[in-house]
Amino acid sequence: MKRSGATGIPAGSVWTLKIKKDGTASVFGTKGVGGFDGTVTSTGADRVHINLGIPSANTYVWHVSKQLLTLTKVKDPIQDRVAVFVGIWKQK
Protein backbone atom coordinates (compact mmCIF):
# COMPACT_ATOMS: atom_id res chain seq x y z
CA MET A 1 0.00 0.00 0.00
CA LYS A 2 2.07 2.86 -1.30
CA ARG A 3 -0.04 5.60 0.25
CA SER A 4 0.73 4.53 3.82
CA GLY A 5 4.23 3.19 3.20
CA ALA A 6 3.13 -0.31 4.20
CA THR A 7 5.08 -3.23 2.78
CA GLY A 8 3.35 -6.32 4.24
CA ILE A 9 -0.30 -5.43 3.57
CA PRO A 10 -1.63 -6.26 0.09
CA ALA A 11 -3.60 -3.50 -1.62
CA GLY A 12 -7.31 -4.22 -1.61
CA SER A 13 -7.21 -6.53 1.41
CA VAL A 14 -10.30 -6.43 3.62
CA TRP A 15 -9.95 -6.60 7.40
CA THR A 16 -12.25 -7.64 10.24
CA LEU A 17 -11.69 -6.20 13.71
CA LYS A 18 -13.21 -7.69 16.86
CA ILE A 19 -12.88 -5.87 20.18
CA LYS A 20 -14.33 -7.32 23.37
CA LYS A 21 -15.46 -5.26 26.36
CA ASP A 22 -12.33 -6.26 28.30
CA GLY A 23 -10.12 -4.78 25.53
CA THR A 24 -8.90 -8.03 24.03
CA ALA A 25 -8.96 -7.78 20.27
CA SER A 26 -8.22 -9.60 17.06
CA VAL A 27 -7.91 -8.51 13.47
CA PHE A 28 -7.71 -10.72 10.42
CA GLY A 29 -7.51 -10.01 6.74
CA THR A 30 -8.16 -11.43 3.33
CA LYS A 31 -5.58 -12.27 0.66
CA GLY A 32 -3.62 -14.68 2.85
CA VAL A 33 -2.33 -12.05 5.23
CA GLY A 34 -3.44 -13.82 8.41
CA GLY A 35 -4.28 -12.04 11.62
CA PHE A 36 -3.15 -10.73 14.97
CA ASP A 37 -4.39 -10.96 18.55
CA GLY A 38 -3.76 -8.41 21.28
CA THR A 39 -5.50 -5.52 22.99
CA VAL A 40 -6.99 -2.13 22.29
CA THR A 41 -6.46 0.04 25.37
CA SER A 42 -8.15 3.35 26.14
CA THR A 43 -5.77 6.21 26.87
CA GLY A 44 -8.37 8.94 27.30
CA ALA A 45 -11.80 10.02 26.18
CA ASP A 46 -11.12 9.55 22.47
CA ARG A 47 -7.70 7.88 22.24
CA VAL A 48 -6.51 4.28 22.18
CA HIS A 49 -3.33 2.22 21.90
CA ILE A 50 -3.67 -0.59 19.36
CA ASN A 51 -1.48 -3.41 20.65
CA LEU A 52 -1.86 -5.84 17.76
CA GLY A 53 1.03 -6.87 15.55
CA ILE A 54 4.53 -5.52 16.15
CA PRO A 55 4.83 -3.99 19.63
CA SER A 56 5.51 -0.25 19.57
CA ALA A 57 4.17 2.92 21.14
CA ASN A 58 1.20 4.24 19.18
CA THR A 59 -1.85 6.43 19.63
CA TYR A 60 -5.03 6.62 17.59
CA VAL A 61 -8.06 8.88 17.89
CA TRP A 62 -11.42 7.11 17.59
CA HIS A 63 -14.90 8.40 16.81
CA VAL A 64 -18.19 6.50 16.60
CA SER A 65 -21.20 7.64 14.60
CA LYS A 66 -24.12 5.23 14.32
CA GLN A 67 -22.52 1.95 13.19
CA LEU A 68 -19.26 3.47 11.98
CA LEU A 69 -15.96 3.56 13.89
CA THR A 70 -13.33 5.94 12.52
CA LEU A 71 -9.70 5.51 13.55
CA THR A 72 -7.15 8.24 12.87
CA LYS A 73 -3.42 7.88 13.53
CA VAL A 74 -1.85 10.33 15.96
CA LYS A 75 1.48 8.47 16.03
CA ASP A 76 2.53 4.99 14.97
CA PRO A 77 5.88 4.05 13.43
CA ILE A 78 4.53 0.71 12.09
CA GLN A 79 3.20 1.52 8.61
CA ASP A 80 1.56 -1.90 8.13
CA ARG A 81 -0.58 -1.30 11.24
CA VAL A 82 -1.45 2.19 9.97
CA ALA A 83 -2.52 0.69 6.63
CA VAL A 84 -4.85 -1.75 8.38
CA PHE A 85 -6.40 0.44 11.07
CA VAL A 86 -6.72 4.00 9.74
CA GLY A 87 -10.09 4.68 8.21
CA ILE A 88 -13.74 3.81 8.69
CA TRP A 89 -14.86 0.48 10.13
CA LYS A 90 -18.46 -0.63 9.66
CA GLN A 91 -20.22 -2.68 12.34
CA LYS A 92 -21.86 -5.85 11.10
PDB file of N, CA and C in Angstrom:
ATOM      1  N   MET A   1       0.849  -1.169   0.000  1.00  0.00           N
ATOM      2  CA  MET A   1       0.000   0.000   0.000  1.00  0.00           C
ATOM      3  C   MET A   1       0.896   1.234   0.000  1.00  0.00           C
ATOM      4  N   LYS A   2       1.130   1.767  -1.142  1.00  0.00           N
ATOM      5  CA  LYS A   2       2.072   2.860  -1.299  1.00  0.00           C
ATOM      6  C   LYS A   2       1.688   4.094  -0.497  1.00  0.00           C
ATOM      7  N   ARG A   3       0.399   4.389  -0.408  1.00  0.00           N
ATOM      8  CA  ARG A   3      -0.040   5.605   0.255  1.00  0.00           C
ATOM      9  C   ARG A   3       0.423   5.654   1.702  1.00  0.00           C
ATOM     10  N   SER A   4       0.356   4.545   2.408  1.00  0.00           N
ATOM     11  CA  SER A   4       0.732   4.533   3.821  1.00  0.00           C
ATOM     12  C   SER A   4       2.190   4.157   4.042  1.00  0.00           C
ATOM     13  N   GLY A   5       2.863   3.663   3.028  1.00  0.00           N
ATOM     14  CA  GLY A   5       4.229   3.192   3.195  1.00  0.00           C
ATOM     15  C   GLY A   5       4.305   1.756   3.679  1.00  0.00           C
ATOM     16  N   ALA A   6       3.174   1.079   3.728  1.00  0.00           N
ATOM     17  CA  ALA A   6       3.129  -0.306   4.195  1.00  0.00           C
ATOM     18  C   ALA A   6       3.793  -1.222   3.170  1.00  0.00           C
ATOM     19  N   THR A   7       4.432  -2.282   3.675  1.00  0.00           N
ATOM     20  CA  THR A   7       5.076  -3.231   2.784  1.00  0.00           C
ATOM     21  C   THR A   7       4.502  -4.642   2.902  1.00  0.00           C
ATOM     22  N   GLY A   8       3.849  -4.961   4.025  1.00  0.00           N
ATOM     23  CA  GLY A   8       3.350  -6.318   4.241  1.00  0.00           C
ATOM     24  C   GLY A   8       1.849  -6.459   4.107  1.00  0.00           C
ATOM     25  N   ILE A   9       1.164  -5.403   3.691  1.00  0.00           N
ATOM     26  CA  ILE A   9      -0.297  -5.431   3.569  1.00  0.00           C
ATOM     27  C   ILE A   9      -0.662  -5.295   2.095  1.00  0.00           C
ATOM     28  N   PRO A  10      -1.267  -6.339   1.509  1.00  0.00           N
ATOM     29  CA  PRO A  10      -1.629  -6.262   0.092  1.00  0.00           C
ATOM     30  C   PRO A  10      -2.718  -5.220  -0.163  1.00  0.00           C
ATOM     31  N   ALA A  11      -2.572  -4.466  -1.225  1.00  0.00           N
ATOM     32  CA  ALA A  11      -3.595  -3.505  -1.617  1.00  0.00           C
ATOM     33  C   ALA A  11      -4.906  -4.229  -1.849  1.00  0.00           C
ATOM     34  N   GLY A  12      -5.988  -3.643  -1.401  1.00  0.00           N
ATOM     35  CA  GLY A  12      -7.312  -4.221  -1.608  1.00  0.00           C
ATOM     36  C   GLY A  12      -7.703  -5.266  -0.583  1.00  0.00           C
ATOM     37  N   SER A  13      -6.841  -5.542   0.388  1.00  0.00           N
ATOM     38  CA  SER A  13      -7.212  -6.525   1.408  1.00  0.00           C
ATOM     39  C   SER A  13      -8.312  -5.944   2.296  1.00  0.00           C
ATOM     40  N   VAL A  14      -9.187  -6.817   2.758  1.00  0.00           N
ATOM     41  CA  VAL A  14     -10.302  -6.429   3.618  1.00  0.00           C
ATOM     42  C   VAL A  14     -10.040  -7.005   4.998  1.00  0.00           C
ATOM     43  N   TRP A  15     -10.275  -6.214   6.028  1.00  0.00           N
ATOM     44  CA  TRP A  15      -9.950  -6.603   7.401  1.00  0.00           C
ATOM     45  C   TRP A  15     -11.191  -6.620   8.274  1.00  0.00           C
ATOM     46  N   THR A  16     -11.195  -7.547   9.241  1.00  0.00           N
ATOM     47  CA  THR A  16     -12.253  -7.642  10.240  1.00  0.00           C
ATOM     48  C   THR A  16     -11.606  -7.429  11.604  1.00  0.00           C
ATOM     49  N   LEU A  17     -12.190  -6.527  12.384  1.00  0.00           N
ATOM     50  CA  LEU A  17     -11.686  -6.200  13.710  1.00  0.00           C
ATOM     51  C   LEU A  17     -12.740  -6.574  14.741  1.00  0.00           C
ATOM     52  N   LYS A  18     -12.329  -7.329  15.753  1.00  0.00           N
ATOM     53  CA  LYS A  18     -13.212  -7.690  16.861  1.00  0.00           C
ATOM     54  C   LYS A  18     -12.589  -7.188  18.152  1.00  0.00           C
ATOM     55  N   ILE A  19     -13.341  -6.384  18.899  1.00  0.00           N
ATOM     56  CA  ILE A  19     -12.881  -5.869  20.183  1.00  0.00           C
ATOM     57  C   ILE A  19     -13.901  -6.263  21.232  1.00  0.00           C
ATOM     58  N   LYS A  20     -13.450  -6.938  22.278  1.00  0.00           N
ATOM     59  CA  LYS A  20     -14.331  -7.324  23.374  1.00  0.00           C
ATOM     60  C   LYS A  20     -14.346  -6.223  24.434  1.00  0.00           C
ATOM     61  N   LYS A  21     -15.332  -6.274  25.312  1.00  0.00           N
ATOM     62  CA  LYS A  21     -15.464  -5.260  26.360  1.00  0.00           C
ATOM     63  C   LYS A  21     -14.237  -5.167  27.253  1.00  0.00           C
ATOM     64  N   ASP A  22     -13.520  -6.276  27.434  1.00  0.00           N
ATOM     65  CA  ASP A  22     -12.327  -6.256  28.295  1.00  0.00           C
ATOM     66  C   ASP A  22     -11.086  -5.727  27.568  1.00  0.00           C
ATOM     67  N   GLY A  23     -11.230  -5.347  26.291  1.00  0.00           N
ATOM     68  CA  GLY A  23     -10.124  -4.780  25.529  1.00  0.00           C
ATOM     69  C   GLY A  23      -9.346  -5.773  24.695  1.00  0.00           C
ATOM     70  N   THR A  24      -9.582  -7.076  24.891  1.00  0.00           N
ATOM     71  CA  THR A  24      -8.902  -8.028  24.026  1.00  0.00           C
ATOM     72  C   THR A  24      -9.443  -7.859  22.608  1.00  0.00           C
ATOM     73  N   ALA A  25      -8.576  -8.045  21.648  1.00  0.00           N
ATOM     74  CA  ALA A  25      -8.964  -7.776  20.272  1.00  0.00           C
ATOM     75  C   ALA A  25      -8.264  -8.733  19.318  1.00  0.00           C
ATOM     76  N   SER A  26      -8.850  -8.857  18.143  1.00  0.00           N
ATOM     77  CA  SER A  26      -8.218  -9.602  17.065  1.00  0.00           C
ATOM     78  C   SER A  26      -8.580  -8.919  15.755  1.00  0.00           C
ATOM     79  N   VAL A  27      -7.686  -9.038  14.806  1.00  0.00           N
ATOM     80  CA  VAL A  27      -7.906  -8.505  13.475  1.00  0.00           C
ATOM     81  C   VAL A  27      -7.399  -9.546  12.490  1.00  0.00           C
ATOM     82  N   PHE A  28      -8.162  -9.774  11.442  1.00  0.00           N
ATOM     83  CA  PHE A  28      -7.712 -10.716  10.421  1.00  0.00           C
ATOM     84  C   PHE A  28      -8.129 -10.208   9.058  1.00  0.00           C
ATOM     85  N   GLY A  29      -7.305 -10.555   8.065  1.00  0.00           N
ATOM     86  CA  GLY A  29      -7.511 -10.011   6.736  1.00  0.00           C
ATOM     87  C   GLY A  29      -7.684 -11.071   5.674  1.00  0.00           C
ATOM     88  N   THR A  30      -8.044 -10.584   4.502  1.00  0.00           N
ATOM     89  CA  THR A  30      -8.163 -11.428   3.326  1.00  0.00           C
ATOM     90  C   THR A  30      -6.820 -11.482   2.617  1.00  0.00           C
ATOM     91  N   LYS A  31      -6.770 -12.175   1.529  1.00  0.00           N
ATOM     92  CA  LYS A  31      -5.585 -12.267   0.662  1.00  0.00           C
ATOM     93  C   LYS A  31      -4.401 -12.934   1.346  1.00  0.00           C
ATOM     94  N   GLY A  32      -4.679 -13.896   2.246  1.00  0.00           N
ATOM     95  CA  GLY A  32      -3.621 -14.684   2.850  1.00  0.00           C
ATOM     96  C   GLY A  32      -2.718 -13.952   3.814  1.00  0.00           C
ATOM     97  N   VAL A  33      -3.162 -12.831   4.323  1.00  0.00           N
ATOM     98  CA  VAL A  33      -2.333 -12.053   5.231  1.00  0.00           C
ATOM     99  C   VAL A  33      -2.304 -12.655   6.628  1.00  0.00           C
ATOM    100  N   GLY A  34      -3.377 -13.275   7.059  1.00  0.00           N
ATOM    101  CA  GLY A  34      -3.445 -13.820   8.412  1.00  0.00           C
ATOM    102  C   GLY A  34      -4.063 -12.833   9.362  1.00  0.00           C
ATOM    103  N   GLY A  35      -3.689 -12.919  10.629  1.00  0.00           N
ATOM    104  CA  GLY A  35      -4.284 -12.038  11.618  1.00  0.00           C
ATOM    105  C   GLY A  35      -3.392 -11.853  12.826  1.00  0.00           C
ATOM    106  N   PHE A  36      -3.885 -11.047  13.755  1.00  0.00           N
ATOM    107  CA  PHE A  36      -3.147 -10.730  14.972  1.00  0.00           C
ATOM    108  C   PHE A  36      -4.116 -10.686  16.143  1.00  0.00           C
ATOM    109  N   ASP A  37      -3.640 -11.081  17.309  1.00  0.00           N
ATOM    110  CA  ASP A  37      -4.389 -10.963  18.548  1.00  0.00           C
ATOM    111  C   ASP A  37      -3.646  -9.993  19.452  1.00  0.00           C
ATOM    112  N   GLY A  38      -4.386  -9.335  20.345  1.00  0.00           N
ATOM    113  CA  GLY A  38      -3.764  -8.408  21.282  1.00  0.00           C
ATOM    114  C   GLY A  38      -4.810  -7.653  22.053  1.00  0.00           C
ATOM    115  N   THR A  39      -4.572  -6.363  22.245  1.00  0.00           N
ATOM    116  CA  THR A  39      -5.504  -5.521  22.986  1.00  0.00           C
ATOM    117  C   THR A  39      -5.652  -4.160  22.325  1.00  0.00           C
ATOM    118  N   VAL A  40      -6.773  -3.530  22.613  1.00  0.00           N
ATOM    119  CA  VAL A  40      -6.995  -2.131  22.292  1.00  0.00           C
ATOM    120  C   VAL A  40      -7.274  -1.473  23.637  1.00  0.00           C
ATOM    121  N   THR A  41      -6.421  -0.529  24.044  1.00  0.00           N
ATOM    122  CA  THR A  41      -6.463   0.044  25.372  1.00  0.00           C
ATOM    123  C   THR A  41      -6.784   1.528  25.314  1.00  0.00           C
ATOM    124  N   SER A  42      -7.782   1.937  26.068  1.00  0.00           N
ATOM    125  CA  SER A  42      -8.148   3.345  26.142  1.00  0.00           C
ATOM    126  C   SER A  42      -7.052   4.144  26.823  1.00  0.00           C
ATOM    127  N   THR A  43      -6.755   5.312  26.267  1.00  0.00           N
ATOM    128  CA  THR A  43      -5.767   6.207  26.872  1.00  0.00           C
ATOM    129  C   THR A  43      -6.365   7.585  27.109  1.00  0.00           C
ATOM    130  N   GLY A  44      -7.673   7.666  27.098  1.00  0.00           N
ATOM    131  CA  GLY A  44      -8.367   8.937  27.297  1.00  0.00           C
ATOM    132  C   GLY A  44      -9.738   8.869  26.664  1.00  0.00           C
ATOM    133  N   ALA A  45     -10.426   9.974  26.662  1.00  0.00           N
ATOM    134  CA  ALA A  45     -11.803  10.015  26.183  1.00  0.00           C
ATOM    135  C   ALA A  45     -11.958   9.578  24.730  1.00  0.00           C
ATOM    136  N   ASP A  46     -10.988   9.877  23.895  1.00  0.00           N
ATOM    137  CA  ASP A  46     -11.123   9.547  22.471  1.00  0.00           C
ATOM    138  C   ASP A  46      -9.844   8.979  21.878  1.00  0.00           C
ATOM    139  N   ARG A  47      -8.988   8.399  22.721  1.00  0.00           N
ATOM    140  CA  ARG A  47      -7.705   7.875  22.238  1.00  0.00           C
ATOM    141  C   ARG A  47      -7.483   6.452  22.703  1.00  0.00           C
ATOM    142  N   VAL A  48      -6.811   5.670  21.848  1.00  0.00           N
ATOM    143  CA  VAL A  48      -6.506   4.282  22.176  1.00  0.00           C
ATOM    144  C   VAL A  48      -5.094   3.934  21.714  1.00  0.00           C
ATOM    145  N   HIS A  49      -4.547   2.897  22.363  1.00  0.00           N
ATOM    146  CA  HIS A  49      -3.332   2.223  21.896  1.00  0.00           C
ATOM    147  C   HIS A  49      -3.798   0.923  21.260  1.00  0.00           C
ATOM    148  N   ILE A  50      -3.333   0.648  20.058  1.00  0.00           N
ATOM    149  CA  ILE A  50      -3.672  -0.591  19.364  1.00  0.00           C
ATOM    150  C   ILE A  50      -2.465  -1.514  19.491  1.00  0.00           C
ATOM    151  N   ASN A  51      -2.587  -2.497  20.360  1.00  0.00           N
ATOM    152  CA  ASN A  51      -1.482  -3.412  20.654  1.00  0.00           C
ATOM    153  C   ASN A  51      -1.699  -4.735  19.930  1.00  0.00           C
ATOM    154  N   LEU A  52      -1.742  -4.674  18.625  1.00  0.00           N
ATOM    155  CA  LEU A  52      -1.858  -5.844  17.755  1.00  0.00           C
ATOM    156  C   LEU A  52      -0.720  -5.763  16.751  1.00  0.00           C
ATOM    157  N   GLY A  53      -0.089  -6.880  16.491  1.00  0.00           N
ATOM    158  CA  GLY A  53       1.031  -6.871  15.555  1.00  0.00           C
ATOM    159  C   GLY A  53       2.324  -6.555  16.269  1.00  0.00           C
ATOM    160  N   ILE A  54       3.213  -5.846  15.605  1.00  0.00           N
ATOM    161  CA  ILE A  54       4.529  -5.517  16.152  1.00  0.00           C
ATOM    162  C   ILE A  54       4.371  -4.554  17.322  1.00  0.00           C
ATOM    163  N   PRO A  55       4.941  -4.886  18.478  1.00  0.00           N
ATOM    164  CA  PRO A  55       4.835  -3.990  19.632  1.00  0.00           C
ATOM    165  C   PRO A  55       5.570  -2.676  19.387  1.00  0.00           C
ATOM    166  N   SER A  56       4.903  -1.577  19.642  1.00  0.00           N
ATOM    167  CA  SER A  56       5.514  -0.252  19.570  1.00  0.00           C
ATOM    168  C   SER A  56       4.518   0.755  20.131  1.00  0.00           C
ATOM    169  N   ALA A  57       5.037   1.862  20.625  1.00  0.00           N
ATOM    170  CA  ALA A  57       4.173   2.918  21.141  1.00  0.00           C
ATOM    171  C   ALA A  57       3.362   3.499  19.990  1.00  0.00           C
ATOM    172  N   ASN A  58       2.055   3.647  20.207  1.00  0.00           N
ATOM    173  CA  ASN A  58       1.196   4.238  19.183  1.00  0.00           C
ATOM    174  C   ASN A  58      -0.008   4.862  19.850  1.00  0.00           C
ATOM    175  N   THR A  59      -0.630   5.790  19.159  1.00  0.00           N
ATOM    176  CA  THR A  59      -1.854   6.429  19.634  1.00  0.00           C
ATOM    177  C   THR A  59      -2.744   6.691  18.433  1.00  0.00           C
ATOM    178  N   TYR A  60      -4.015   6.354  18.601  1.00  0.00           N
ATOM    179  CA  TYR A  60      -5.032   6.621  17.589  1.00  0.00           C
ATOM    180  C   TYR A  60      -6.202   7.356  18.229  1.00  0.00           C
ATOM    181  N   VAL A  61      -6.822   8.236  17.481  1.00  0.00           N
ATOM    182  CA  VAL A  61      -8.062   8.883  17.892  1.00  0.00           C
ATOM    183  C   VAL A  61      -9.196   8.069  17.302  1.00  0.00           C
ATOM    184  N   TRP A  62     -10.255   7.849  18.086  1.00  0.00           N
ATOM    185  CA  TRP A  62     -11.416   7.114  17.587  1.00  0.00           C
ATOM    186  C   TRP A  62     -12.664   7.971  17.695  1.00  0.00           C
ATOM    187  N   HIS A  63     -13.607   7.715  16.813  1.00  0.00           N
ATOM    188  CA  HIS A  63     -14.898   8.404  16.808  1.00  0.00           C
ATOM    189  C   HIS A  63     -15.948   7.412  16.322  1.00  0.00           C
ATOM    190  N   VAL A  64     -17.088   7.369  17.007  1.00  0.00           N
ATOM    191  CA  VAL A  64     -18.190   6.502  16.603  1.00  0.00           C
ATOM    192  C   VAL A  64     -19.375   7.349  16.197  1.00  0.00           C
ATOM    193  N   SER A  65     -19.978   7.007  15.074  1.00  0.00           N
ATOM    194  CA  SER A  65     -21.204   7.639  14.598  1.00  0.00           C
ATOM    195  C   SER A  65     -22.083   6.549  14.022  1.00  0.00           C
ATOM    196  N   LYS A  66     -23.214   6.315  14.683  1.00  0.00           N
ATOM    197  CA  LYS A  66     -24.122   5.227  14.315  1.00  0.00           C
ATOM    198  C   LYS A  66     -23.363   3.912  14.341  1.00  0.00           C
ATOM    199  N   GLN A  67     -23.222   3.238  13.222  1.00  0.00           N
ATOM    200  CA  GLN A  67     -22.523   1.952  13.193  1.00  0.00           C
ATOM    201  C   GLN A  67     -21.138   2.052  12.568  1.00  0.00           C
ATOM    202  N   LEU A  68     -20.568   3.253  12.590  1.00  0.00           N
ATOM    203  CA  LEU A  68     -19.258   3.466  11.983  1.00  0.00           C
ATOM    204  C   LEU A  68     -18.236   3.882  13.031  1.00  0.00           C
ATOM    205  N   LEU A  69     -17.087   3.223  13.031  1.00  0.00           N
ATOM    206  CA  LEU A  69     -15.956   3.563  13.888  1.00  0.00           C
ATOM    207  C   LEU A  69     -14.867   4.128  12.983  1.00  0.00           C
ATOM    208  N   THR A  70     -14.417   5.328  13.288  1.00  0.00           N
ATOM    209  CA  THR A  70     -13.329   5.938  12.521  1.00  0.00           C
ATOM    210  C   THR A  70     -12.086   5.978  13.396  1.00  0.00           C
ATOM    211  N   LEU A  71     -10.981   5.466  12.872  1.00  0.00           N
ATOM    212  CA  LEU A  71      -9.696   5.510  13.554  1.00  0.00           C
ATOM    213  C   LEU A  71      -8.749   6.405  12.763  1.00  0.00           C
ATOM    214  N   THR A  72      -8.090   7.316  13.480  1.00  0.00           N
ATOM    215  CA  THR A  72      -7.146   8.242  12.872  1.00  0.00           C
ATOM    216  C   THR A  72      -5.828   8.145  13.621  1.00  0.00           C
ATOM    217  N   LYS A  73      -4.739   7.995  12.908  1.00  0.00           N
ATOM    218  CA  LYS A  73      -3.423   7.880  13.531  1.00  0.00           C
ATOM    219  C   LYS A  73      -2.995   9.226  14.107  1.00  0.00           C
ATOM    220  N   VAL A  74      -2.535   9.194  15.361  1.00  0.00           N
ATOM    221  CA  VAL A  74      -1.847  10.330  15.960  1.00  0.00           C
ATOM    222  C   VAL A  74      -0.351  10.083  15.814  1.00  0.00           C
ATOM    223  N   LYS A  75       0.086   8.878  16.254  1.00  0.00           N
ATOM    224  CA  LYS A  75       1.477   8.468  16.031  1.00  0.00           C
ATOM    225  C   LYS A  75       1.532   6.946  16.000  1.00  0.00           C
ATOM    226  N   ASP A  76       2.299   6.432  15.078  1.00  0.00           N
ATOM    227  CA  ASP A  76       2.527   4.994  14.970  1.00  0.00           C
ATOM    228  C   ASP A  76       3.634   4.771  13.946  1.00  0.00           C
ATOM    229  N   PRO A  77       4.778   4.251  14.364  1.00  0.00           N
ATOM    230  CA  PRO A  77       5.879   4.047  13.427  1.00  0.00           C
ATOM    231  C   PRO A  77       5.711   2.800  12.548  1.00  0.00           C
ATOM    232  N   ILE A  78       4.715   1.953  12.841  1.00  0.00           N
ATOM    233  CA  ILE A  78       4.534   0.711  12.091  1.00  0.00           C
ATOM    234  C   ILE A  78       3.533   0.954  10.960  1.00  0.00           C
ATOM    235  N   GLN A  79       4.044   1.145   9.749  1.00  0.00           N
ATOM    236  CA  GLN A  79       3.202   1.518   8.612  1.00  0.00           C
ATOM    237  C   GLN A  79       2.205   0.430   8.216  1.00  0.00           C
ATOM    238  N   ASP A  80       2.528  -0.838   8.433  1.00  0.00           N
ATOM    239  CA  ASP A  80       1.559  -1.898   8.128  1.00  0.00           C
ATOM    240  C   ASP A  80       0.345  -1.791   9.040  1.00  0.00           C
ATOM    241  N   ARG A  81       0.550  -1.471  10.325  1.00  0.00           N
ATOM    242  CA  ARG A  81      -0.585  -1.301  11.245  1.00  0.00           C
ATOM    243  C   ARG A  81      -1.411  -0.080  10.818  1.00  0.00           C
ATOM    244  N   VAL A  82      -0.749   0.991  10.438  1.00  0.00           N
ATOM    245  CA  VAL A  82      -1.451   2.190   9.969  1.00  0.00           C
ATOM    246  C   VAL A  82      -2.322   1.839   8.766  1.00  0.00           C
ATOM    247  N   ALA A  83      -1.775   1.068   7.825  1.00  0.00           N
ATOM    248  CA  ALA A  83      -2.523   0.692   6.626  1.00  0.00           C
ATOM    249  C   ALA A  83      -3.777  -0.103   6.962  1.00  0.00           C
ATOM    250  N   VAL A  84      -3.700  -0.925   7.995  1.00  0.00           N
ATOM    251  CA  VAL A  84      -4.848  -1.748   8.378  1.00  0.00           C
ATOM    252  C   VAL A  84      -5.880  -0.931   9.143  1.00  0.00           C
ATOM    253  N   PHE A  85      -5.452  -0.139  10.122  1.00  0.00           N
ATOM    254  CA  PHE A  85      -6.398   0.445  11.072  1.00  0.00           C
ATOM    255  C   PHE A  85      -6.952   1.813  10.722  1.00  0.00           C
ATOM    256  N   VAL A  86      -6.223   2.657  10.031  1.00  0.00           N
ATOM    257  CA  VAL A  86      -6.716   3.995   9.742  1.00  0.00           C
ATOM    258  C   VAL A  86      -7.874   3.935   8.754  1.00  0.00           C
ATOM    259  N   GLY A  87      -8.941   4.608   9.102  1.00  0.00           N
ATOM    260  CA  GLY A  87     -10.088   4.677   8.210  1.00  0.00           C
ATOM    261  C   GLY A  87     -11.383   4.380   8.940  1.00  0.00           C
ATOM    262  N   ILE A  88     -12.390   4.042   8.173  1.00  0.00           N
ATOM    263  CA  ILE A  88     -13.738   3.811   8.693  1.00  0.00           C
ATOM    264  C   ILE A  88     -14.024   2.315   8.743  1.00  0.00           C
ATOM    265  N   TRP A  89     -14.464   1.864   9.903  1.00  0.00           N
ATOM    266  CA  TRP A  89     -14.856   0.477  10.130  1.00  0.00           C
ATOM    267  C   TRP A  89     -16.369   0.436  10.288  1.00  0.00           C
ATOM    268  N   LYS A  90     -17.002  -0.495   9.608  1.00  0.00           N
ATOM    269  CA  LYS A  90     -18.461  -0.626   9.658  1.00  0.00           C
ATOM    270  C   LYS A  90     -18.841  -1.822  10.510  1.00  0.00           C
ATOM    271  N   GLN A  91     -19.749  -1.599  11.474  1.00  0.00           N
ATOM    272  CA  GLN A  91     -20.219  -2.680  12.339  1.00  0.00           C
ATOM    273  C   GLN A  91     -21.165  -3.578  11.567  1.00  0.00           C
ATOM    274  N   LYS A  92     -20.970  -4.904  11.753  1.00  0.00           N
ATOM    275  CA  LYS A  92     -21.864  -5.854  11.102  1.00  0.00           C
ATOM    276  C   LYS A  92     -22.988  -6.219  12.031  1.00  0.00           C
TER     277      LYS A  92
END
